[in-house]
Amino acid sequence: EAPFYTLGPLTTDIAPAYDHITSAIGAAMIGMFGTAMLCYVTPKEHLGLPNKVDVKAGVIAYKIAAHAADLAKGHPTAQQWDNAISKARFEFRWDDQFNLALDPETARSYHDETLPAAPAKAAHFCSMCGPKFCSMRITQDVREYAKKLGLDDKKAIHAGLEEKAKEFREAGGDVYVRR
């Protein structure tokens, strides 16, 4: 049995100014167990009166908590939303990612802060990993490589590793290549 309504609960007291995060963790847990109404907490909880930015941070944290609880409870529409944005992320459909995001304006502004040029909206990598280390791009490359060889993904990975090992040995086996 779960309470109908709670404030919080904070999962730890070590984070004044971040109570919206510690309480959102607790809110996700109690939401998963059936609490019907979650009451958000702001970063300024017990420190001062919240302003508009604090309220937004608290509400967003609790929307995330409620969504996580819905996922844990197996709500199909929550899973469909997650799947849709995951697919958009994997396929580098940036505008779809922004539009499906919980806070589209902030997502778009963070992206544009680092990658403001129009071609960045078609880039097949993110700003953090870059084109050489993006796990999603690497996965897509492996799938294309597998298709080219007529193999399943696992066999293609094995073949690719063998190919790279051979290149490594033929190049002298040096970890650091001097140019």
C-alpha atoms as a PDB file:
ATOM      1  CA  GLU A   1       0.000   0.000   0.000  1.00  0.00           C
ATOM      2  CA  ALA A   2       1.318   3.409  -0.965  1.00  0.00           C
ATOM      3  CA  PRO A   3       0.257   6.839   0.223  1.00  0.00           C
ATOM      4  CA  PHE A   4      -1.877   8.897  -2.150  1.00  0.00           C
ATOM      5  CA  TYR A   5       0.352  11.997  -1.869  1.00  0.00           C
ATOM      6  CA  THR A   6       3.797  12.874  -0.513  1.00  0.00           C
ATOM      7  CA  LEU A   7       6.289  15.716  -0.549  1.00  0.00           C
ATOM      8  CA  GLY A   8       9.628  14.327  -1.616  1.00  0.00           C
ATOM      9  CA  PRO A   9      10.861  12.088  -0.080  1.00  0.00           C
ATOM     10  CA  LEU A  10      14.520  13.069   0.042  1.00  0.00           C
ATOM     11  CA  THR A  11      16.720   9.992  -0.312  1.00  0.00           C
ATOM     12  CA  THR A  12      19.648  11.751   1.379  1.00  0.00           C
ATOM     13  CA  ASP A  13      20.289  14.987   3.263  1.00  0.00           C
ATOM     14  CA  ILE A  14      23.797  15.637   1.897  1.00  0.00           C
ATOM     15  CA  ALA A  15      22.735  17.864  -0.980  1.00  0.00           C
ATOM     16  CA  PRO A  16      21.212  21.186   0.068  1.00  0.00           C
ATOM     17  CA  ALA A  17      20.652  23.181  -3.155  1.00  0.00           C
ATOM     18  CA  TYR A  18      20.067  19.874  -4.972  1.00  0.00           C
ATOM     19  CA  ASP A  19      17.057  18.609  -3.012  1.00  0.00           C
ATOM     20  CA  HIS A  20      15.062  18.600  -6.261  1.00  0.00           C
ATOM     21  CA  ILE A  21      17.350  15.780  -7.437  1.00  0.00           C
ATOM     22  CA  THR A  22      17.539  13.784  -4.203  1.00  0.00           C
ATOM     23  CA  SER A  23      13.787  14.019  -3.775  1.00  0.00           C
ATOM     24  CA  ALA A  24      13.089  13.148  -7.420  1.00  0.00           C
ATOM     25  CA  ILE A  25      14.955   9.876  -6.836  1.00  0.00           C
ATOM     26  CA  GLY A  26      12.649   9.183  -3.888  1.00  0.00           C
ATOM     27  CA  ALA A  27       9.627  10.303  -5.907  1.00  0.00           C
ATOM     28  CA  ALA A  28      10.468   7.833  -8.681  1.00  0.00           C
ATOM     29  CA  MET A  29      10.651   5.069  -6.089  1.00  0.00           C
ATOM     30  CA  ILE A  30       7.372   5.873  -4.351  1.00  0.00           C
ATOM     31  CA  GLY A  31       5.709   6.478  -7.700  1.00  0.00           C
ATOM     32  CA  MET A  32       6.812   3.024  -8.795  1.00  0.00           C
ATOM     33  CA  PHE A  33       5.196   1.595  -5.659  1.00  0.00           C
ATOM     34  CA  GLY A  34       1.903   3.333  -6.369  1.00  0.00           C
ATOM     35  CA  THR A  35       1.842   6.845  -4.907  1.00  0.00           C
ATOM     36  CA  ALA A  36      -0.621   8.682  -7.119  1.00  0.00           C
ATOM     37  CA  MET A  37       0.441  12.312  -6.656  1.00  0.00           C
ATOM     38  CA  LEU A  38       4.010  13.572  -6.418  1.00  0.00           C
ATOM     39  CA  CYS A  39       4.683  17.040  -5.008  1.00  0.00           C
ATOM     40  CA  TYR A  40       7.825  18.596  -6.469  1.00  0.00           C
ATOM     41  CA  VAL A  41      10.680  20.057  -4.460  1.00  0.00           C
ATOM     42  CA  THR A  42      12.833  22.971  -5.651  1.00  0.00           C
ATOM     43  CA  PRO A  43      16.612  23.413  -5.399  1.00  0.00           C
ATOM     44  CA  LYS A  44      16.005  26.117  -2.778  1.00  0.00           C
ATOM     45  CA  GLU A  45      13.918  23.876  -0.501  1.00  0.00           C
ATOM     46  CA  HIS A  46      14.647  24.886   3.140  1.00  0.00           C
ATOM     47  CA  LEU A  47      17.245  27.414   1.926  1.00  0.00           C
ATOM     48  CA  GLY A  48      15.186  30.248   0.504  1.00  0.00           C
ATOM     49  CA  LEU A  49      12.129  31.129  -1.525  1.00  0.00           C
ATOM     50  CA  PRO A  50      12.143  29.638  -5.011  1.00  0.00           C
ATOM     51  CA  ASN A  51      12.095  31.781  -8.130  1.00  0.00           C
ATOM     52  CA  LYS A  52      10.779  30.867 -11.583  1.00  0.00           C
ATOM     53  CA  VAL A  53      13.990  29.021 -12.552  1.00  0.00           C
ATOM     54  CA  ASP A  54      13.908  26.984  -9.321  1.00  0.00           C
ATOM     55  CA  VAL A  55      10.282  26.016  -9.878  1.00  0.00           C
ATOM     56  CA  LYS A  56      11.071  24.906 -13.432  1.00  0.00           C
ATOM     57  CA  ALA A  57      14.020  22.796 -12.191  1.00  0.00           C
ATOM     58  CA  GLY A  58      11.809  21.154  -9.559  1.00  0.00           C
ATOM     59  CA  VAL A  59       8.950  20.471 -11.955  1.00  0.00           C
ATOM     60  CA  ILE A  60      11.280  19.021 -14.601  1.00  0.00           C
ATOM     61  CA  ALA A  61      12.979  16.777 -12.011  1.00  0.00           C
ATOM     62  CA  TYR A  62       9.574  15.485 -10.924  1.00  0.00           C
ATOM     63  CA  LYS A  63       8.341  14.966 -14.469  1.00  0.00           C
ATOM     64  CA  ILE A  64      11.421  12.790 -14.973  1.00  0.00           C
ATOM     65  CA  ALA A  65      10.668  10.955 -11.714  1.00  0.00           C
ATOM     66  CA  ALA A  66       7.041  10.366 -12.710  1.00  0.00           C
ATOM     67  CA  HIS A  67       8.108   9.112 -16.131  1.00  0.00           C
ATOM     68  CA  ALA A  68      10.676   6.754 -14.577  1.00  0.00           C
ATOM     69  CA  ALA A  69       7.959   5.416 -12.257  1.00  0.00           C
ATOM     70  CA  ASP A  70       5.620   4.925 -15.220  1.00  0.00           C
ATOM     71  CA  LEU A  71       8.353   3.000 -17.047  1.00  0.00           C
ATOM     72  CA  ALA A  72       8.966   0.832 -13.980  1.00  0.00           C
ATOM     73  CA  LYS A  73       5.234   0.092 -13.779  1.00  0.00           C
ATOM     74  CA  GLY A  74       5.170  -0.873 -17.453  1.00  0.00           C
ATOM     75  CA  HIS A  75       2.900   1.877 -18.771  1.00  0.00           C
ATOM     76  CA  PRO A  76       2.934   1.403 -22.567  1.00  0.00           C
ATOM     77  CA  THR A  77       2.712   5.093 -23.501  1.00  0.00           C
ATOM     78  CA  ALA A  78       5.712   5.914 -21.298  1.00  0.00           C
ATOM     79  CA  GLN A  79       7.678   3.163 -23.031  1.00  0.00           C
ATOM     80  CA  GLN A  80       6.530   4.344 -26.473  1.00  0.00           C
ATOM     81  CA  TRP A  81       7.773   7.871 -25.718  1.00  0.00           C
ATOM     82  CA  ASP A  82      11.131   6.518 -24.529  1.00  0.00           C
ATOM     83  CA  ASN A  83      11.436   4.264 -27.565  1.00  0.00           C
ATOM     84  CA  ALA A  84      10.615   7.128 -29.933  1.00  0.00           C
ATOM     85  CA  ILE A  85      13.281   9.452 -28.553  1.00  0.00           C
ATOM     86  CA  SER A  86      15.821   6.597 -28.303  1.00  0.00           C
ATOM     87  CA  LYS A  87      15.256   5.809 -31.977  1.00  0.00           C
ATOM     88  CA  ALA A  88      15.582   9.509 -32.870  1.00  0.00           C
ATOM     89  CA  ARG A  89      18.839   9.684 -30.920  1.00  0.00           C
ATOM     90  CA  PHE A  90      20.208   6.519 -32.531  1.00  0.00           C
ATOM     91  CA  GLU A  91      19.330   7.820 -36.001  1.00  0.00           C
ATOM     92  CA  PHE A  92      20.690  11.318 -35.265  1.00  0.00           C
ATOM     93  CA  ARG A  93      17.351  12.944 -36.016  1.00  0.00           C
ATOM     94  CA  TRP A  94      18.150  16.030 -33.974  1.00  0.00           C
ATOM     95  CA  ASP A  95      14.888  17.936 -34.519  1.00  0.00           C
ATOM     96  CA  ASP A  96      12.876  14.869 -33.502  1.00  0.00           C
ATOM     97  CA  GLN A  97      15.039  14.515 -30.393  1.00  0.00           C
ATOM     98  CA  PHE A  98      14.368  18.114 -29.435  1.00  0.00           C
ATOM     99  CA  ASN A  99      10.653  17.881 -30.157  1.00  0.00           C
ATOM    100  CA  LEU A 100      10.255  14.645 -28.175  1.00  0.00           C
ATOM    101  CA  ALA A 101      12.289  15.935 -25.229  1.00  0.00           C
ATOM    102  CA  LEU A 102      10.667  16.743 -21.916  1.00  0.00           C
ATOM    103  CA  ASP A 103      12.031  20.293 -22.257  1.00  0.00           C
ATOM    104  CA  PRO A 104      12.576  20.914 -25.996  1.00  0.00           C
ATOM    105  CA  GLU A 105      13.732  24.521 -25.624  1.00  0.00           C
ATOM    106  CA  THR A 106      16.515  23.674 -23.192  1.00  0.00           C
ATOM    107  CA  ALA A 107      17.629  20.616 -25.189  1.00  0.00           C
ATOM    108  CA  ARG A 108      17.819  22.681 -28.374  1.00  0.00           C
ATOM    109  CA  SER A 109      19.640  25.576 -26.686  1.00  0.00           C
ATOM    110  CA  TYR A 110      22.260  23.244 -25.130  1.00  0.00           C
ATOM    111  CA  HIS A 111      22.892  21.661 -28.531  1.00  0.00           C
ATOM    112  CA  ASP A 112      23.048  25.013 -30.309  1.00  0.00           C
ATOM    113  CA  GLU A 113      25.439  26.399 -27.692  1.00  0.00           C
ATOM    114  CA  THR A 114      28.077  23.872 -28.787  1.00  0.00           C
ATOM    115  CA  LEU A 115      27.036  23.126 -32.378  1.00  0.00           C
ATOM    116  CA  PRO A 116      25.242  26.251 -33.644  1.00  0.00           C
ATOM    117  CA  ALA A 117      25.716  25.825 -37.400  1.00  0.00           C
ATOM    118  CA  ALA A 118      22.847  24.442 -39.474  1.00  0.00           C
ATOM    119  CA  PRO A 119      24.874  21.399 -40.672  1.00  0.00           C
ATOM    120  CA  ALA A 120      25.137  20.298 -37.015  1.00  0.00           C
ATOM    121  CA  LYS A 121      21.433  19.398 -37.197  1.00  0.00           C
ATOM    122  CA  ALA A 122      22.401  16.692 -39.694  1.00  0.00           C
ATOM    123  CA  ALA A 123      25.593  15.532 -37.947  1.00  0.00           C
ATOM    124  CA  HIS A 124      25.829  11.820 -37.245  1.00  0.00           C
ATOM    125  CA  PHE A 125      27.657  12.250 -33.951  1.00  0.00           C
ATOM    126  CA  CYS A 126      27.213  14.238 -30.777  1.00  0.00           C
ATOM    127  CA  SER A 127      29.418  17.007 -29.418  1.00  0.00           C
ATOM    128  CA  MET A 128      30.682  14.887 -26.524  1.00  0.00           C
ATOM    129  CA  CYS A 129      32.052  11.861 -28.397  1.00  0.00           C
ATOM    130  CA  GLY A 130      32.722  13.396 -31.787  1.00  0.00           C
ATOM    131  CA  PRO A 131      32.639  11.449 -35.042  1.00  0.00           C
ATOM    132  CA  LYS A 132      35.274   8.837 -34.093  1.00  0.00           C
ATOM    133  CA  PHE A 133      33.990   7.713 -30.686  1.00  0.00           C
ATOM    134  CA  CYS A 134      30.192   7.971 -30.900  1.00  0.00           C
ATOM    135  CA  SER A 135      28.769   4.604 -29.807  1.00  0.00           C
ATOM    136  CA  MET A 136      25.642   5.074 -31.900  1.00  0.00           C
ATOM    137  CA  ARG A 137      27.642   5.868 -35.012  1.00  0.00           C
ATOM    138  CA  ILE A 138      29.969   2.920 -34.357  1.00  0.00           C
ATOM    139  CA  THR A 139      26.944   0.630 -33.991  1.00  0.00           C
ATOM    140  CA  GLN A 140      25.576   1.889 -37.299  1.00  0.00           C
ATOM    141  CA  ASP A 141      28.988   1.360 -38.933  1.00  0.00           C
ATOM    142  CA  VAL A 142      29.141  -2.211 -37.580  1.00  0.00           C
ATOM    143  CA  ARG A 143      25.676  -2.926 -38.959  1.00  0.00           C
ATOM    144  CA  GLU A 144      26.646  -1.549 -42.381  1.00  0.00           C
ATOM    145  CA  TYR A 145      29.873  -3.595 -42.289  1.00  0.00           C
ATOM    146  CA  ALA A 146      27.870  -6.729 -41.367  1.00  0.00           C
ATOM    147  CA  LYS A 147      25.417  -6.118 -44.188  1.00  0.00           C
ATOM    148  CA  LYS A 148      28.283  -5.622 -46.664  1.00  0.00           C
ATOM    149  CA  LEU A 149      29.820  -8.950 -45.595  1.00  0.00           C
ATOM    150  CA  GLY A 150      26.475 -10.731 -45.346  1.00  0.00           C
ATOM    151  CA  LEU A 151      27.048 -11.510 -41.649  1.00  0.00           C
ATOM    152  CA  ASP A 152      25.064 -10.986 -38.474  1.00  0.00           C
ATOM    153  CA  ASP A 153      26.310  -8.257 -36.103  1.00  0.00           C
ATOM    154  CA  LYS A 154      28.252 -10.619 -33.791  1.00  0.00           C
ATOM    155  CA  LYS A 155      30.094 -12.326 -36.624  1.00  0.00           C
ATOM    156  CA  ALA A 156      30.825  -8.949 -38.216  1.00  0.00           C
ATOM    157  CA  ILE A 157      32.310  -7.672 -34.958  1.00  0.00           C
ATOM    158  CA  HIS A 158      34.509 -10.774 -34.754  1.00  0.00           C
ATOM    159  CA  ALA A 159      35.574 -10.378 -38.403  1.00  0.00           C
ATOM    160  CA  GLY A 160      36.265  -6.669 -37.879  1.00  0.00           C
ATOM    161  CA  LEU A 161      38.366  -7.345 -34.790  1.00  0.00           C
ATOM    162  CA  GLU A 162      40.352  -9.982 -36.668  1.00  0.00           C
ATOM    163  CA  GLU A 163      40.876  -7.524 -39.526  1.00  0.00           C
ATOM    164  CA  LYS A 164      42.072  -4.783 -37.156  1.00  0.00           C
ATOM    165  CA  ALA A 165      44.330  -7.227 -35.273  1.00  0.00           C
ATOM    166  CA  LYS A 166      45.944  -8.219 -38.572  1.00  0.00           C
ATOM    167  CA  GLU A 167      46.462  -4.522 -39.469  1.00  0.00           C
ATOM    168  CA  PHE A 168      47.979  -3.955 -36.017  1.00  0.00           C
ATOM    169  CA  ARG A 169      50.421  -6.865 -36.370  1.00  0.00           C
ATOM    170  CA  GLU A 170      51.378  -5.873 -39.927  1.00  0.00           C
ATOM    171  CA  ALA A 171      52.064  -2.311 -38.761  1.00  0.00           C
ATOM    172  CA  GLY A 172      54.590  -3.636 -36.239  1.00  0.00           C
ATOM    173  CA  GLY A 173      52.346  -3.983 -33.207  1.00  0.00           C
ATOM    174  CA  ASP A 174      53.151  -0.551 -31.807  1.00  0.00           C
ATOM    175  CA  VAL A 175      50.451   0.883 -29.585  1.00  0.00           C
ATOM    176  CA  TYR A 176      51.527   4.423 -30.407  1.00  0.00           C
ATOM    177  CA  VAL A 177      51.920   5.123 -34.085  1.00  0.00           C
ATOM    178  CA  ARG A 178      54.563   7.698 -34.882  1.00  0.00           C
ATOM    179  CA  ARG A 179      53.956   9.856 -37.930  1.00  0.00           C
END
